[in-house]
């Protein structure tokens, strides 16, 4: 006996996607839904819905399934001082060069997401258009970074295979997370090519798979 599984396909503008969120995020979107978009460099990105109403009602959280753009350093030197807020990676992902990869109608519907980190007992916060998830948001437990007490695992990442990203050439890629290592002052957390947790020196170049939020207005 064979089982046929199909997905309903719709061609929508980002404005129409925003309107569906306004009508009811949970009524129109499910974790694992995918939105395909051609970037301004001619490459195609696939964004997965990794959470619906995850931190507040009326939002969908999306993240690129694979890395966008070339690999990049988290910091110019091997340090995680200041965490994500002070990082070169954050500056890059919210800078003109990276932002211009995305069409204007997508940028127009994005709401900023707050990142909260505990760094040696101190709370550090920032808000961004594009961001990387924390270690806890991906793995659902404290492994290499200090837990902030509020992050929740995105449902999409309960499946290990969904944590794996590929580079622009289709090869398995190690991808950065926003969390600074709590045991090594030179390192940030990452997802390895097999979907496991690990860390790397901040000055190394790894893959960047951005997340963003669309929230009802």
N, C-alpha and C. Protein backbone atom coordinates (compact mmCIF):
# COMPACT_ATOMS: atom_id res chain seq x y z
N UNK A 1 0.84 -1.19 0.00
CA UNK A 1 0.00 0.00 0.00
C UNK A 1 0.88 1.25 0.00
N UNK A 2 0.63 2.14 -0.92
CA UNK A 2 1.41 3.37 -1.03
C UNK A 2 0.67 4.54 -0.38
N UNK A 3 1.44 5.48 0.11
CA UNK A 3 0.86 6.69 0.71
C UNK A 3 1.36 7.91 -0.06
N UNK A 4 0.43 8.72 -0.52
CA UNK A 4 0.76 9.93 -1.26
C UNK A 4 0.61 11.12 -0.34
N UNK A 5 1.66 11.92 -0.20
CA UNK A 5 1.61 13.15 0.59
C UNK A 5 1.86 14.32 -0.34
N UNK A 6 0.99 15.31 -0.30
CA UNK A 6 1.14 16.48 -1.15
C UNK A 6 1.14 17.74 -0.30
N UNK A 7 1.71 18.81 -0.85
CA UNK A 7 1.68 20.11 -0.19
C UNK A 7 0.93 21.09 -1.08
N UNK A 8 0.07 21.87 -0.47
CA UNK A 8 -0.64 22.90 -1.21
C UNK A 8 0.33 24.03 -1.52
N UNK A 9 0.40 24.44 -2.77
CA UNK A 9 1.31 25.50 -3.17
C UNK A 9 0.51 26.75 -3.52
N UNK A 10 0.99 27.90 -3.05
CA UNK A 10 0.36 29.18 -3.35
C UNK A 10 1.44 30.17 -3.75
N UNK A 11 1.12 31.02 -4.70
CA UNK A 11 2.02 32.10 -5.08
C UNK A 11 1.49 33.37 -4.44
N UNK A 12 2.24 33.90 -3.48
CA UNK A 12 1.81 35.05 -2.71
C UNK A 12 2.92 36.10 -2.65
N UNK A 13 2.52 37.34 -2.50
CA UNK A 13 3.49 38.39 -2.21
C UNK A 13 3.75 38.38 -0.71
N UNK A 14 4.84 39.03 -0.29
CA UNK A 14 5.10 39.12 1.14
C UNK A 14 4.05 39.97 1.83
N UNK A 15 3.46 40.92 1.11
CA UNK A 15 2.36 41.69 1.67
C UNK A 15 1.16 40.81 1.95
N UNK A 16 0.89 39.87 1.06
CA UNK A 16 -0.23 38.94 1.27
C UNK A 16 0.06 37.98 2.41
N UNK A 17 1.32 37.57 2.55
CA UNK A 17 1.70 36.72 3.69
C UNK A 17 1.49 37.48 4.99
N UNK A 18 1.87 38.75 5.01
CA UNK A 18 1.66 39.59 6.19
C UNK A 18 0.17 39.68 6.52
N UNK A 19 -0.67 39.81 5.52
CA UNK A 19 -2.10 39.90 5.75
C UNK A 19 -2.65 38.61 6.35
N UNK A 20 -2.14 37.47 5.93
CA UNK A 20 -2.56 36.19 6.52
C UNK A 20 -2.15 36.13 7.99
N UNK A 21 -0.98 36.66 8.30
CA UNK A 21 -0.57 36.72 9.71
C UNK A 21 -1.52 37.62 10.49
N UNK A 22 -1.93 38.73 9.90
CA UNK A 22 -2.88 39.62 10.55
C UNK A 22 -4.21 38.93 10.81
N UNK A 23 -4.62 38.07 9.89
CA UNK A 23 -5.89 37.37 10.03
C UNK A 23 -5.82 36.27 11.10
N UNK A 24 -4.65 35.73 11.31
CA UNK A 24 -4.48 34.67 12.31
C UNK A 24 -3.33 33.76 11.94
N UNK A 25 -2.21 33.92 12.62
CA UNK A 25 -1.01 33.16 12.27
C UNK A 25 -1.25 31.66 12.33
N UNK A 26 -1.86 31.19 13.40
CA UNK A 26 -2.05 29.75 13.59
C UNK A 26 -3.07 29.16 12.63
N UNK A 27 -3.96 30.00 12.11
CA UNK A 27 -4.98 29.52 11.18
C UNK A 27 -4.41 29.32 9.77
N UNK A 28 -3.34 30.03 9.47
CA UNK A 28 -2.81 30.01 8.10
C UNK A 28 -1.43 29.39 7.95
N UNK A 29 -0.71 29.21 9.06
CA UNK A 29 0.65 28.70 8.97
C UNK A 29 0.88 27.60 9.98
N UNK A 30 1.76 26.66 9.62
CA UNK A 30 2.14 25.55 10.50
C UNK A 30 3.66 25.43 10.50
N UNK A 31 4.19 24.92 11.60
CA UNK A 31 5.63 24.67 11.68
C UNK A 31 6.02 23.70 10.57
N UNK A 32 7.06 24.05 9.83
CA UNK A 32 7.52 23.22 8.71
C UNK A 32 7.08 23.73 7.36
N UNK A 33 6.12 24.67 7.32
CA UNK A 33 5.77 25.30 6.05
C UNK A 33 7.02 25.97 5.47
N UNK A 34 7.09 26.04 4.15
CA UNK A 34 8.26 26.62 3.50
C UNK A 34 7.86 27.70 2.52
N UNK A 35 8.63 28.76 2.48
CA UNK A 35 8.43 29.86 1.54
C UNK A 35 9.70 30.02 0.73
N UNK A 36 9.57 29.94 -0.58
CA UNK A 36 10.72 30.04 -1.48
C UNK A 36 10.79 31.44 -2.08
N UNK A 37 11.98 32.00 -2.09
CA UNK A 37 12.17 33.37 -2.57
C UNK A 37 13.47 33.49 -3.35
N UNK A 38 13.40 34.10 -4.52
CA UNK A 38 14.63 34.41 -5.25
C UNK A 38 15.26 35.65 -4.64
N UNK A 39 16.55 35.57 -4.35
CA UNK A 39 17.27 36.70 -3.78
C UNK A 39 17.75 37.63 -4.90
N UNK A 40 18.24 38.79 -4.52
CA UNK A 40 18.66 39.75 -5.53
C UNK A 40 19.92 39.34 -6.26
N UNK A 41 20.66 38.36 -5.71
CA UNK A 41 21.85 37.85 -6.39
C UNK A 41 21.54 36.70 -7.34
N UNK A 42 20.24 36.40 -7.50
CA UNK A 42 19.81 35.35 -8.42
C UNK A 42 19.72 33.98 -7.80
N UNK A 43 20.19 33.81 -6.58
CA UNK A 43 20.10 32.53 -5.89
C UNK A 43 18.74 32.40 -5.22
N UNK A 44 18.34 31.16 -4.96
CA UNK A 44 17.04 30.89 -4.35
C UNK A 44 17.21 30.48 -2.90
N UNK A 45 16.42 31.09 -2.03
CA UNK A 45 16.43 30.75 -0.61
C UNK A 45 15.09 30.12 -0.24
N UNK A 46 15.14 29.16 0.67
CA UNK A 46 13.92 28.54 1.21
C UNK A 46 13.87 28.84 2.69
N UNK A 47 12.79 29.49 3.11
CA UNK A 47 12.60 29.85 4.50
C UNK A 47 11.56 28.92 5.13
N UNK A 48 11.95 28.27 6.22
CA UNK A 48 11.04 27.38 6.93
C UNK A 48 10.38 28.12 8.08
N UNK A 49 9.10 27.84 8.30
CA UNK A 49 8.42 28.35 9.49
C UNK A 49 8.89 27.50 10.67
N UNK A 50 9.66 28.09 11.58
CA UNK A 50 10.22 27.33 12.70
C UNK A 50 9.41 27.52 13.98
N UNK A 51 8.49 28.47 13.98
CA UNK A 51 7.64 28.68 15.13
C UNK A 51 6.43 29.52 14.76
N UNK A 52 5.29 29.24 15.37
CA UNK A 52 4.07 30.02 15.18
C UNK A 52 3.58 30.45 16.56
N UNK A 53 3.37 31.75 16.73
CA UNK A 53 2.98 32.29 18.05
C UNK A 53 3.95 31.81 19.13
N UNK A 54 5.22 31.84 18.81
CA UNK A 54 6.22 31.21 19.68
C UNK A 54 6.48 32.03 20.94
N UNK A 55 6.72 33.31 20.78
CA UNK A 55 6.94 34.18 21.93
C UNK A 55 5.76 35.10 22.21
N UNK A 56 4.97 35.36 21.19
CA UNK A 56 3.76 36.14 21.39
C UNK A 56 2.75 35.79 20.31
N UNK A 57 1.48 36.02 20.61
CA UNK A 57 0.44 35.72 19.64
C UNK A 57 0.56 36.63 18.43
N UNK A 58 0.23 36.06 17.27
CA UNK A 58 0.22 36.85 16.05
C UNK A 58 1.56 36.99 15.40
N UNK A 59 2.37 35.94 15.41
CA UNK A 59 3.66 36.01 14.74
C UNK A 59 4.02 34.66 14.15
N UNK A 60 4.74 34.71 13.05
CA UNK A 60 5.41 33.52 12.53
C UNK A 60 6.90 33.81 12.53
N UNK A 61 7.68 32.80 12.88
CA UNK A 61 9.13 32.93 12.91
C UNK A 61 9.69 32.06 11.80
N UNK A 62 10.50 32.64 10.94
CA UNK A 62 11.07 31.92 9.80
C UNK A 62 12.58 31.97 9.87
N UNK A 63 13.20 30.95 9.27
CA UNK A 63 14.65 30.95 9.17
C UNK A 63 15.05 30.23 7.89
N UNK A 64 16.10 30.72 7.27
CA UNK A 64 16.60 30.08 6.07
C UNK A 64 17.01 28.64 6.37
N UNK A 65 16.60 27.71 5.51
CA UNK A 65 16.98 26.31 5.71
C UNK A 65 18.47 26.11 5.48
N UNK A 66 19.06 26.94 4.65
CA UNK A 66 20.48 26.81 4.33
C UNK A 66 21.16 28.16 4.49
N UNK A 67 22.46 28.15 4.34
CA UNK A 67 23.24 29.37 4.54
C UNK A 67 23.05 30.33 3.37
N UNK A 68 23.04 31.61 3.68
CA UNK A 68 22.90 32.65 2.66
C UNK A 68 24.19 33.47 2.63
N UNK A 69 24.71 33.64 1.43
CA UNK A 69 25.96 34.37 1.29
C UNK A 69 27.14 33.50 1.69
N UNK A 70 28.33 34.05 1.60
CA UNK A 70 29.53 33.29 1.95
C UNK A 70 29.63 33.09 3.46
N UNK A 71 30.49 32.17 3.87
CA UNK A 71 30.75 31.99 5.30
C UNK A 71 31.33 33.28 5.88
N UNK A 72 31.17 33.44 7.19
CA UNK A 72 31.53 34.72 7.78
C UNK A 72 32.03 34.52 9.21
N UNK A 73 32.88 35.41 9.65
CA UNK A 73 33.38 35.37 11.02
C UNK A 73 32.35 35.96 11.99
N UNK A 74 32.32 35.43 13.21
CA UNK A 74 31.47 36.03 14.23
C UNK A 74 32.14 37.28 14.81
N UNK A 75 33.46 37.25 14.91
CA UNK A 75 34.21 38.43 15.31
C UNK A 75 35.53 38.45 14.55
N UNK A 76 36.12 39.61 14.46
CA UNK A 76 37.38 39.74 13.74
C UNK A 76 38.53 39.11 14.52
N UNK A 77 38.37 39.04 15.84
CA UNK A 77 39.36 38.37 16.69
C UNK A 77 38.69 37.21 17.43
N UNK A 78 39.46 36.33 17.97
CA UNK A 78 38.93 35.15 18.67
C UNK A 78 38.47 35.54 20.08
N UNK A 79 37.31 36.20 20.13
CA UNK A 79 36.73 36.60 21.40
C UNK A 79 35.21 36.62 21.27
N UNK A 80 34.51 36.31 22.36
CA UNK A 80 33.06 36.44 22.35
C UNK A 80 32.59 37.55 23.29
N UNK A 81 33.48 38.45 23.63
CA UNK A 81 33.17 39.55 24.53
C UNK A 81 31.99 40.37 24.00
N UNK A 82 31.01 40.59 24.87
CA UNK A 82 29.83 41.35 24.47
C UNK A 82 28.75 40.53 23.81
N UNK A 83 29.04 39.23 23.56
CA UNK A 83 28.04 38.33 22.98
C UNK A 83 27.59 38.75 21.60
N UNK A 84 26.38 38.33 21.26
CA UNK A 84 25.80 38.62 19.95
C UNK A 84 25.68 40.13 19.72
N UNK A 85 25.28 40.88 20.75
CA UNK A 85 25.05 42.31 20.60
C UNK A 85 26.28 43.03 20.06
N UNK A 86 27.46 42.66 20.53
CA UNK A 86 28.69 43.35 20.15
C UNK A 86 29.41 42.68 18.99
N UNK A 87 28.82 41.66 18.39
CA UNK A 87 29.55 40.83 17.43
C UNK A 87 29.61 41.44 16.03
N UNK A 88 30.66 41.09 15.34
CA UNK A 88 30.85 41.44 13.93
C UNK A 88 29.82 40.72 13.07
N UNK A 89 29.42 39.51 13.48
CA UNK A 89 28.41 38.76 12.75
C UNK A 89 27.07 39.47 12.74
N UNK A 90 26.69 40.00 13.88
CA UNK A 90 25.43 40.77 13.95
C UNK A 90 25.52 42.00 13.07
N UNK A 91 26.64 42.70 13.14
CA UNK A 91 26.83 43.90 12.31
C UNK A 91 26.71 43.56 10.83
N UNK A 92 27.31 42.45 10.43
CA UNK A 92 27.25 42.02 9.03
C UNK A 92 25.83 41.68 8.59
N UNK A 93 25.11 40.89 9.42
CA UNK A 93 23.78 40.42 9.04
C UNK A 93 22.75 41.53 9.00
N UNK A 94 23.01 42.64 9.65
CA UNK A 94 22.09 43.76 9.63
C UNK A 94 22.67 44.98 8.92
N UNK A 95 23.71 44.73 8.14
CA UNK A 95 24.35 45.78 7.36
C UNK A 95 23.86 45.82 5.93
N UNK A 96 24.23 46.84 5.21
CA UNK A 96 23.74 47.08 3.85
C UNK A 96 24.06 45.94 2.90
N UNK A 97 25.28 45.40 2.96
CA UNK A 97 25.68 44.36 2.02
C UNK A 97 24.80 43.13 2.12
N UNK A 98 24.51 42.70 3.35
CA UNK A 98 23.68 41.51 3.55
C UNK A 98 22.20 41.82 3.27
N UNK A 99 21.73 42.95 3.77
CA UNK A 99 20.31 43.29 3.64
C UNK A 99 19.89 43.43 2.17
N UNK A 100 20.80 43.89 1.33
CA UNK A 100 20.42 44.12 -0.07
C UNK A 100 20.21 42.82 -0.84
N UNK A 101 20.53 41.67 -0.22
CA UNK A 101 20.25 40.38 -0.84
C UNK A 101 18.76 40.07 -0.87
N UNK A 102 17.98 40.75 -0.02
CA UNK A 102 16.57 40.43 0.15
C UNK A 102 15.70 41.49 -0.53
N UNK A 103 14.61 41.06 -1.17
CA UNK A 103 13.75 42.02 -1.87
C UNK A 103 13.10 43.00 -0.90
N UNK A 104 12.79 44.18 -1.39
CA UNK A 104 12.24 45.23 -0.54
C UNK A 104 10.91 44.83 0.08
N UNK A 105 10.08 44.09 -0.66
CA UNK A 105 8.76 43.75 -0.10
C UNK A 105 8.88 42.77 1.06
N UNK A 106 9.95 41.97 1.09
CA UNK A 106 10.19 41.12 2.26
C UNK A 106 10.67 41.96 3.44
N UNK A 107 11.63 42.83 3.20
CA UNK A 107 12.15 43.67 4.27
C UNK A 107 11.04 44.52 4.90
N UNK A 108 10.04 44.89 4.09
CA UNK A 108 8.98 45.77 4.56
C UNK A 108 8.06 45.12 5.59
N UNK A 109 7.99 43.78 5.62
CA UNK A 109 7.04 43.11 6.52
C UNK A 109 7.71 42.51 7.75
N UNK A 110 9.02 42.65 7.88
CA UNK A 110 9.74 42.05 8.99
C UNK A 110 9.61 42.90 10.25
N UNK A 111 9.34 42.24 11.37
CA UNK A 111 9.37 42.88 12.69
C UNK A 111 10.66 42.46 13.39
N UNK A 112 11.22 43.34 14.17
CA UNK A 112 12.47 43.02 14.84
C UNK A 112 12.26 42.03 16.00
N UNK A 113 13.24 41.19 16.20
CA UNK A 113 13.21 40.21 17.28
C UNK A 113 14.24 40.58 18.35
N UNK A 114 13.82 40.44 19.60
CA UNK A 114 14.73 40.72 20.71
C UNK A 114 15.56 39.48 21.02
N UNK A 115 16.86 39.69 21.18
CA UNK A 115 17.77 38.65 21.66
C UNK A 115 18.20 39.03 23.07
N UNK A 116 18.02 38.09 24.00
CA UNK A 116 18.40 38.30 25.39
C UNK A 116 19.45 37.26 25.75
N UNK A 117 20.60 37.70 26.24
CA UNK A 117 21.66 36.78 26.62
C UNK A 117 22.14 37.05 28.04
N UNK A 118 22.50 35.97 28.71
CA UNK A 118 23.15 36.08 30.01
C UNK A 118 24.64 35.88 29.80
N UNK A 119 25.42 36.89 30.14
CA UNK A 119 26.87 36.81 29.95
C UNK A 119 27.53 37.10 31.30
N UNK A 120 28.04 36.05 31.90
CA UNK A 120 28.67 36.15 33.22
C UNK A 120 27.73 36.83 34.22
N UNK A 121 26.47 36.41 34.18
CA UNK A 121 25.48 36.90 35.13
C UNK A 121 24.83 38.21 34.75
N UNK A 122 25.28 38.84 33.67
CA UNK A 122 24.72 40.12 33.23
C UNK A 122 23.79 39.91 32.04
N UNK A 123 22.63 40.59 32.05
CA UNK A 123 21.68 40.50 30.95
C UNK A 123 22.05 41.49 29.85
N UNK A 124 22.17 40.98 28.63
CA UNK A 124 22.51 41.82 27.48
C UNK A 124 21.41 41.63 26.43
N UNK A 125 20.81 42.74 25.98
CA UNK A 125 19.69 42.68 25.05
C UNK A 125 19.95 43.51 23.80
N UNK A 126 19.34 43.08 22.68
CA UNK A 126 19.36 43.86 21.45
C UNK A 126 18.19 43.41 20.58
N UNK A 127 17.86 44.19 19.56
CA UNK A 127 16.80 43.84 18.63
C UNK A 127 17.33 43.94 17.21
N UNK A 128 16.93 42.98 16.36
CA UNK A 128 17.47 42.92 15.00
C UNK A 128 16.42 42.51 13.98
N UNK A 129 16.65 42.94 12.74
CA UNK A 129 15.85 42.47 11.61
C UNK A 129 16.21 41.02 11.30
N UNK A 130 17.49 40.77 11.09
CA UNK A 130 17.99 39.41 10.87
C UNK A 130 18.83 39.00 12.07
N UNK A 131 18.72 37.74 12.46
CA UNK A 131 19.37 37.27 13.69
C UNK A 131 19.66 35.78 13.55
N UNK A 132 20.42 35.28 14.48
CA UNK A 132 20.67 33.85 14.60
C UNK A 132 20.00 33.35 15.87
N UNK A 133 19.46 32.13 15.88
CA UNK A 133 18.85 31.61 17.11
C UNK A 133 19.91 31.30 18.16
N UNK A 134 19.45 31.23 19.39
CA UNK A 134 20.34 30.85 20.48
C UNK A 134 20.52 29.33 20.50
N UNK A 135 21.49 28.89 21.27
CA UNK A 135 21.69 27.46 21.46
C UNK A 135 20.42 26.81 22.00
N UNK A 136 19.78 27.45 22.98
CA UNK A 136 18.58 26.86 23.59
C UNK A 136 17.43 26.83 22.61
N UNK A 137 17.30 27.83 21.76
CA UNK A 137 16.21 27.86 20.78
C UNK A 137 16.33 26.74 19.77
N UNK A 138 17.53 26.25 19.55
CA UNK A 138 17.74 25.13 18.61
C UNK A 138 17.71 23.78 19.32
N UNK A 139 18.40 23.66 20.45
CA UNK A 139 18.57 22.34 21.08
C UNK A 139 17.65 22.10 22.28
N UNK A 140 17.07 23.16 22.83
CA UNK A 140 16.15 22.98 23.94
C UNK A 140 16.81 22.63 25.25
N UNK A 141 18.11 22.88 25.37
CA UNK A 141 18.82 22.63 26.62
C UNK A 141 20.10 23.46 26.65
N UNK A 142 20.62 23.63 27.86
CA UNK A 142 21.85 24.38 28.05
C UNK A 142 23.03 23.43 27.87
N UNK A 143 23.82 23.66 26.85
CA UNK A 143 24.94 22.77 26.52
C UNK A 143 26.28 23.49 26.60
N UNK A 144 26.44 24.55 25.83
CA UNK A 144 27.70 25.28 25.78
C UNK A 144 27.57 26.74 26.21
N UNK A 145 26.34 27.21 26.36
CA UNK A 145 26.10 28.61 26.68
C UNK A 145 25.24 28.74 27.93
N UNK A 146 25.29 29.91 28.54
CA UNK A 146 24.49 30.19 29.72
C UNK A 146 23.04 30.46 29.30
N UNK A 147 22.09 29.75 29.89
CA UNK A 147 20.68 29.90 29.55
C UNK A 147 20.13 31.19 30.15
N UNK A 148 19.32 31.90 29.38
CA UNK A 148 18.80 33.18 29.84
C UNK A 148 17.51 33.06 30.65
N UNK A 149 16.94 31.87 30.72
CA UNK A 149 15.74 31.64 31.52
C UNK A 149 14.43 31.88 30.79
N UNK A 150 14.49 32.40 29.55
CA UNK A 150 13.26 32.72 28.82
C UNK A 150 13.18 32.09 27.43
N UNK A 151 14.30 31.76 26.82
CA UNK A 151 14.26 31.17 25.47
C UNK A 151 13.53 29.84 25.48
N UNK A 152 12.83 29.56 24.37
CA UNK A 152 12.13 28.29 24.19
C UNK A 152 12.60 27.67 22.88
N UNK A 153 12.70 26.35 22.85
CA UNK A 153 13.12 25.67 21.63
C UNK A 153 12.07 25.86 20.54
N UNK A 154 12.52 26.26 19.36
CA UNK A 154 11.60 26.32 18.23
C UNK A 154 11.19 24.90 17.85
N UNK A 155 9.88 24.64 17.70
CA UNK A 155 9.41 23.27 17.42
C UNK A 155 10.08 22.62 16.22
N UNK A 156 10.42 23.40 15.22
CA UNK A 156 11.03 22.86 14.00
C UNK A 156 12.32 22.13 14.29
N UNK A 157 13.04 22.58 15.33
CA UNK A 157 14.35 22.01 15.61
C UNK A 157 14.32 20.82 16.57
N UNK A 158 13.15 20.35 16.92
CA UNK A 158 13.10 19.11 17.70
C UNK A 158 13.55 17.92 16.85
N UNK A 159 13.48 18.07 15.54
CA UNK A 159 14.00 17.05 14.61
C UNK A 159 15.42 17.43 14.22
N UNK A 160 16.34 16.56 14.50
CA UNK A 160 17.76 16.84 14.28
C UNK A 160 18.07 17.20 12.84
N UNK A 161 17.45 16.54 11.89
CA UNK A 161 17.77 16.79 10.49
C UNK A 161 17.42 18.22 10.07
N UNK A 162 16.47 18.84 10.79
CA UNK A 162 16.10 20.21 10.46
C UNK A 162 17.14 21.22 10.93
N UNK A 163 18.07 20.80 11.76
CA UNK A 163 19.13 21.70 12.22
C UNK A 163 20.28 21.79 11.22
N UNK A 164 20.36 20.85 10.29
CA UNK A 164 21.48 20.77 9.37
C UNK A 164 21.31 21.78 8.24
N UNK A 165 22.37 22.53 7.94
CA UNK A 165 22.34 23.50 6.85
C UNK A 165 23.40 23.16 5.81
N UNK A 166 23.20 23.69 4.62
CA UNK A 166 24.13 23.49 3.51
C UNK A 166 24.65 24.84 3.04
N UNK A 167 25.85 24.81 2.45
CA UNK A 167 26.41 26.05 1.93
C UNK A 167 25.89 26.33 0.52
N UNK A 168 26.39 27.39 -0.09
CA UNK A 168 25.90 27.79 -1.41
C UNK A 168 26.20 26.77 -2.49
N UNK A 169 27.17 25.89 -2.25
CA UNK A 169 27.53 24.87 -3.23
C UNK A 169 26.89 23.52 -2.95
N UNK A 170 26.01 23.48 -1.93
CA UNK A 170 25.30 22.24 -1.63
C UNK A 170 26.02 21.31 -0.67
N UNK A 171 27.12 21.77 -0.08
CA UNK A 171 27.85 20.93 0.87
C UNK A 171 27.39 21.19 2.29
N UNK A 172 27.50 20.16 3.14
CA UNK A 172 27.16 20.34 4.56
C UNK A 172 28.00 21.45 5.16
N UNK A 173 27.36 22.28 5.97
CA UNK A 173 28.03 23.44 6.53
C UNK A 173 27.84 23.52 8.04
N UNK A 174 28.87 23.90 8.75
CA UNK A 174 28.76 24.25 10.16
C UNK A 174 28.20 25.67 10.22
N UNK A 175 27.17 25.88 11.05
CA UNK A 175 26.50 27.18 11.07
C UNK A 175 26.52 27.83 12.44
N UNK A 176 26.75 29.13 12.46
CA UNK A 176 26.80 29.87 13.71
C UNK A 176 25.46 29.94 14.41
N UNK A 177 25.50 30.00 15.74
CA UNK A 177 24.38 30.39 16.58
C UNK A 177 24.77 31.69 17.29
N UNK A 178 23.80 32.37 17.87
CA UNK A 178 24.06 33.66 18.49
C UNK A 178 24.73 33.56 19.84
N UNK A 179 24.70 32.39 20.47
CA UNK A 179 25.13 32.26 21.86
C UNK A 179 26.65 32.21 22.01
N UNK A 180 27.21 33.06 22.87
CA UNK A 180 28.63 32.93 23.20
C UNK A 180 28.85 31.74 24.13
N UNK A 181 29.95 31.06 23.97
CA UNK A 181 30.28 29.95 24.86
C UNK A 181 30.45 30.48 26.29
N UNK A 182 29.93 29.72 27.26
CA UNK A 182 30.08 30.12 28.66
C UNK A 182 31.35 29.57 29.29
N UNK A 183 32.08 28.72 28.56
CA UNK A 183 33.28 28.09 29.12
C UNK A 183 34.55 28.44 28.35
N UNK A 184 34.39 29.10 27.20
CA UNK A 184 35.55 29.46 26.38
C UNK A 184 35.34 30.87 25.85
N UNK A 185 36.13 31.81 26.32
CA UNK A 185 35.95 33.22 25.99
C UNK A 185 36.28 33.56 24.54
N UNK A 186 36.81 32.59 23.79
CA UNK A 186 37.13 32.84 22.39
C UNK A 186 36.05 32.34 21.44
N UNK A 187 35.01 31.67 21.95
CA UNK A 187 34.14 30.87 21.09
C UNK A 187 32.67 31.27 21.15
N UNK A 188 31.97 30.98 20.05
CA UNK A 188 30.52 31.03 19.98
C UNK A 188 29.99 29.62 19.70
N UNK A 189 28.72 29.41 20.02
CA UNK A 189 28.09 28.11 19.76
C UNK A 189 27.76 27.97 18.27
N UNK A 190 27.57 26.73 17.86
CA UNK A 190 27.26 26.43 16.47
C UNK A 190 26.48 25.13 16.37
N UNK A 191 25.98 24.87 15.17
CA UNK A 191 25.41 23.58 14.82
C UNK A 191 26.36 22.93 13.82
N UNK A 192 26.82 21.74 14.14
CA UNK A 192 27.76 21.06 13.26
C UNK A 192 27.04 20.49 12.04
N UNK A 193 27.80 19.94 11.11
CA UNK A 193 27.24 19.43 9.86
C UNK A 193 26.34 18.21 10.05
N UNK A 194 26.37 17.60 11.24
CA UNK A 194 25.46 16.48 11.51
C UNK A 194 24.33 16.86 12.46
N UNK A 195 24.16 18.17 12.70
CA UNK A 195 23.05 18.64 13.52
C UNK A 195 23.32 18.65 15.01
N UNK A 196 24.58 18.45 15.41
CA UNK A 196 24.93 18.42 16.83
C UNK A 196 25.45 19.78 17.29
N UNK A 197 25.47 19.97 18.61
CA UNK A 197 25.98 21.21 19.19
C UNK A 197 27.49 21.19 19.29
N UNK A 198 28.10 22.35 19.07
CA UNK A 198 29.54 22.47 19.20
C UNK A 198 29.88 23.95 19.35
N UNK A 199 31.17 24.27 19.42
CA UNK A 199 31.63 25.66 19.47
C UNK A 199 32.81 25.83 18.53
N UNK A 200 33.10 27.10 18.21
CA UNK A 200 34.25 27.41 17.37
C UNK A 200 34.76 28.80 17.72
N UNK A 201 36.05 29.01 17.50
CA UNK A 201 36.61 30.34 17.71
C UNK A 201 35.84 31.38 16.89
N UNK A 202 35.55 32.52 17.51
CA UNK A 202 34.75 33.55 16.87
C UNK A 202 35.38 34.08 15.59
N UNK A 203 36.68 33.94 15.44
CA UNK A 203 37.36 34.46 14.25
C UNK A 203 37.32 33.49 13.07
N UNK A 204 36.76 32.30 13.27
CA UNK A 204 36.61 31.36 12.16
C UNK A 204 35.40 31.74 11.30
N UNK A 205 35.44 31.38 10.04
CA UNK A 205 34.33 31.66 9.13
C UNK A 205 33.43 30.44 9.00
N UNK A 206 32.17 30.61 9.38
CA UNK A 206 31.18 29.54 9.30
C UNK A 206 29.94 30.05 8.58
N UNK A 207 28.99 29.16 8.37
CA UNK A 207 27.78 29.50 7.64
C UNK A 207 26.84 30.40 8.42
N UNK A 208 26.05 31.19 7.67
CA UNK A 208 25.08 32.11 8.25
C UNK A 208 23.71 31.81 7.66
N UNK A 209 22.78 31.36 8.51
CA UNK A 209 21.40 31.09 8.10
C UNK A 209 20.49 32.01 8.91
N UNK A 210 20.06 33.12 8.33
CA UNK A 210 19.34 34.14 9.09
C UNK A 210 17.89 33.76 9.40
N UNK A 211 17.43 34.26 10.54
CA UNK A 211 16.03 34.15 10.92
C UNK A 211 15.39 35.52 10.89
N UNK A 212 14.05 35.55 10.77
CA UNK A 212 13.31 36.80 10.85
C UNK A 212 11.87 36.50 11.30
N UNK A 213 11.19 37.54 11.75
CA UNK A 213 9.84 37.42 12.29
C UNK A 213 8.87 38.28 11.48
N UNK A 214 7.69 37.75 11.20
CA UNK A 214 6.59 38.54 10.65
C UNK A 214 5.50 38.55 11.72
N UNK A 215 5.15 39.72 12.17
CA UNK A 215 4.22 39.87 13.31
C UNK A 215 3.02 40.71 12.87
N UNK A 216 1.86 40.38 13.40
CA UNK A 216 0.65 41.12 13.04
C UNK A 216 0.78 42.59 13.45
N UNK A 217 0.15 43.44 12.65
CA UNK A 217 0.20 44.88 12.91
C UNK A 217 -1.12 45.36 13.48
